[in-house]
Amino acid sequence: MSMTLGARNDRTAEINVTPLIDVLLVLLIIFMVILPEHNRGEQAQIPQPNPDNLVMNPEEPIVIQLKDLGEGKRPHLKINQEEIAWEELEARLQAIYRNREDHVAFVKGDPEIEFAFVAEAVDITHRAGAARIGLMGKND
């Protein structure tokens, strides 16, 4: 529908867009009905892990325990409940890290141990190849 203002004698040429919009909407509805619905998303090929290389049991963390023997005495050492001498600590840790992917260790000591012994254990562990060393508290 078009509306003109002014004198009725003047002829104007205007395009009536209402039927064009009606045709466009009908075509849109037809194409929506004809096209199949997409019930699922895009197809993606996700890489699956190789079943031969699955690690069922993750490696046990390395915990170096320092057991207090009294003031001024060097504490006993344990690596995951295995007693070891101070002189063998670096060689034993190097052998352990040779066969492991992660080079992480935790140092746990009794609260009464002098910090110098803890620092020495951390230094030996770092020289043996540990990339990260964590200190554990008495509740860990």
Protein backbone atom coordinates (compact mmCIF):
# COMPACT_ATOMS: atom_id res chain seq x y z
CA MET A 1 0.00 0.00 0.00
CA SER A 2 1.39 3.32 -0.88
CA MET A 3 0.48 6.70 0.41
CA THR A 4 0.96 9.98 -1.38
CA LEU A 5 0.63 13.44 -0.05
CA GLY A 6 -0.25 16.35 -2.08
CA ALA A 7 -2.24 16.68 -5.28
CA ARG A 8 -3.88 13.58 -6.76
CA ASN A 9 -3.13 14.63 -10.30
CA ASP A 10 0.58 13.79 -10.05
CA ARG A 11 1.45 10.30 -10.99
CA THR A 12 4.19 8.59 -9.05
CA ALA A 13 5.94 5.34 -9.78
CA GLU A 14 6.63 3.42 -6.57
CA ILE A 15 7.48 -0.20 -6.09
CA ASN A 16 5.21 -2.03 -3.74
CA VAL A 17 7.58 -4.22 -1.66
CA THR A 18 4.90 -6.01 0.37
CA PRO A 19 4.37 -8.82 -2.17
CA LEU A 20 8.15 -9.22 -2.53
CA ILE A 21 8.54 -9.71 1.22
CA ASP A 22 5.65 -12.20 1.20
CA VAL A 23 7.32 -14.23 -1.56
CA LEU A 24 10.66 -14.10 0.23
CA LEU A 25 9.16 -15.42 3.48
CA VAL A 26 7.37 -18.24 1.65
CA LEU A 27 10.64 -19.26 -0.03
CA LEU A 28 12.44 -19.18 3.31
CA ILE A 29 9.83 -21.48 4.88
CA ILE A 30 10.00 -23.86 1.90
CA PHE A 31 13.80 -24.13 2.12
CA MET A 32 13.68 -24.70 5.88
CA VAL A 33 11.21 -27.58 5.39
CA ILE A 34 13.08 -29.14 2.46
CA LEU A 35 16.57 -29.13 4.03
CA PRO A 36 17.27 -32.04 6.41
CA GLU A 37 17.70 -31.33 10.08
CA HIS A 38 21.16 -31.44 11.55
CA ASN A 39 20.71 -33.48 14.72
CA ARG A 40 24.40 -33.83 15.43
CA GLY A 41 27.28 -31.44 15.30
CA GLU A 42 30.27 -31.43 13.05
CA GLN A 43 32.18 -34.65 12.60
CA ALA A 44 35.64 -34.56 14.18
CA GLN A 45 38.29 -37.21 14.19
CA ILE A 46 39.64 -37.22 17.73
CA PRO A 47 42.91 -39.09 18.15
CA GLN A 48 42.48 -42.14 20.35
CA PRO A 49 45.24 -43.36 22.67
CA ASN A 50 47.15 -46.44 21.64
CA PRO A 51 45.89 -49.31 23.83
CA ASP A 52 49.40 -50.78 23.94
CA ASN A 53 50.86 -47.65 25.54
CA LEU A 54 48.22 -47.13 28.22
CA VAL A 55 49.66 -46.71 31.69
CA MET A 56 47.33 -48.44 34.08
CA ASN A 57 49.31 -47.81 37.25
CA PRO A 58 50.91 -44.39 37.44
CA GLU A 59 54.39 -44.29 38.85
CA GLU A 60 54.63 -44.10 42.60
CA PRO A 61 55.95 -40.72 43.75
CA ILE A 62 59.46 -40.64 45.13
CA VAL A 63 59.39 -39.68 48.80
CA ILE A 64 62.69 -39.20 50.62
CA GLN A 65 62.07 -39.54 54.35
CA LEU A 66 64.43 -38.24 57.02
CA LYS A 67 64.07 -39.96 60.42
CA ASP A 68 65.49 -38.09 63.40
CA LEU A 69 68.10 -39.88 65.54
CA GLY A 70 68.75 -37.10 68.01
CA GLU A 71 70.54 -33.77 68.12
CA GLY A 72 73.71 -33.53 66.08
CA LYS A 73 73.29 -36.98 64.52
CA ARG A 74 72.69 -37.51 60.85
CA PRO A 75 69.11 -38.75 60.28
CA HIS A 76 68.23 -42.09 58.68
CA LEU A 77 67.19 -41.95 55.05
CA LYS A 78 64.43 -43.85 53.30
CA ILE A 79 63.31 -43.74 49.69
CA ASN A 80 59.70 -44.97 49.61
CA GLN A 81 60.14 -47.13 52.73
CA GLU A 82 63.50 -48.53 51.53
CA GLU A 83 66.36 -47.65 53.88
CA ILE A 84 69.42 -46.19 52.21
CA ALA A 85 72.72 -44.66 53.32
CA TRP A 86 73.54 -41.02 52.71
CA GLU A 87 76.48 -42.01 50.49
CA GLU A 88 74.22 -44.12 48.22
CA LEU A 89 71.41 -41.56 47.92
CA GLU A 90 72.60 -39.79 44.75
CA ALA A 91 73.46 -42.99 42.87
CA ARG A 92 70.15 -44.61 43.84
CA LEU A 93 68.14 -41.56 42.74
CA GLN A 94 70.01 -41.40 39.42
CA ALA A 95 69.13 -45.05 38.79
CA ILE A 96 65.48 -44.35 39.61
CA TYR A 97 65.26 -41.27 37.37
CA ARG A 98 66.90 -43.11 34.47
CA ASN A 99 63.73 -45.24 34.10
CA ARG A 100 61.09 -42.58 34.83
CA GLU A 101 59.38 -39.92 32.81
CA ASP A 102 58.71 -37.52 35.65
CA HIS A 103 61.64 -36.24 37.63
CA VAL A 104 59.77 -35.19 40.75
CA ALA A 105 60.68 -35.95 44.35
CA PHE A 106 59.27 -35.10 47.76
CA VAL A 107 61.32 -34.65 50.91
CA LYS A 108 59.67 -35.40 54.23
CA GLY A 109 61.37 -35.08 57.59
CA ASP A 110 60.60 -35.21 61.26
CA PRO A 111 59.92 -31.79 62.80
CA GLU A 112 63.00 -32.01 65.05
CA ILE A 113 65.51 -32.46 62.21
CA GLU A 114 67.96 -29.64 61.62
CA PHE A 115 67.29 -27.83 58.39
CA ALA A 116 70.87 -28.37 57.21
CA PHE A 117 70.13 -32.08 56.72
CA VAL A 118 66.94 -31.31 54.80
CA ALA A 119 68.83 -28.85 52.60
CA GLU A 120 71.54 -31.46 51.97
CA ALA A 121 68.93 -34.05 50.94
CA VAL A 122 67.30 -31.52 48.60
CA ASP A 123 70.69 -30.65 47.08
CA ILE A 124 71.61 -34.30 46.51
CA THR A 125 68.19 -34.98 44.99
CA HIS A 126 68.56 -32.04 42.63
CA ARG A 127 72.06 -33.17 41.56
CA ALA A 128 70.68 -36.68 40.93
CA GLY A 129 68.33 -35.31 38.27
CA ALA A 130 65.13 -34.20 39.97
CA ALA A 131 63.53 -31.34 38.06
CA ARG A 132 61.07 -30.48 40.84
CA ILE A 133 61.37 -31.12 44.56
CA GLY A 134 58.56 -30.63 47.04
CA LEU A 135 58.74 -30.39 50.81
CA MET A 136 56.09 -32.33 52.71
CA GLY A 137 54.74 -31.34 56.09
CA LYS A 138 54.12 -33.65 59.00
CA ASN A 139 50.44 -34.18 58.05
CA ASP A 140 51.24 -35.27 54.47
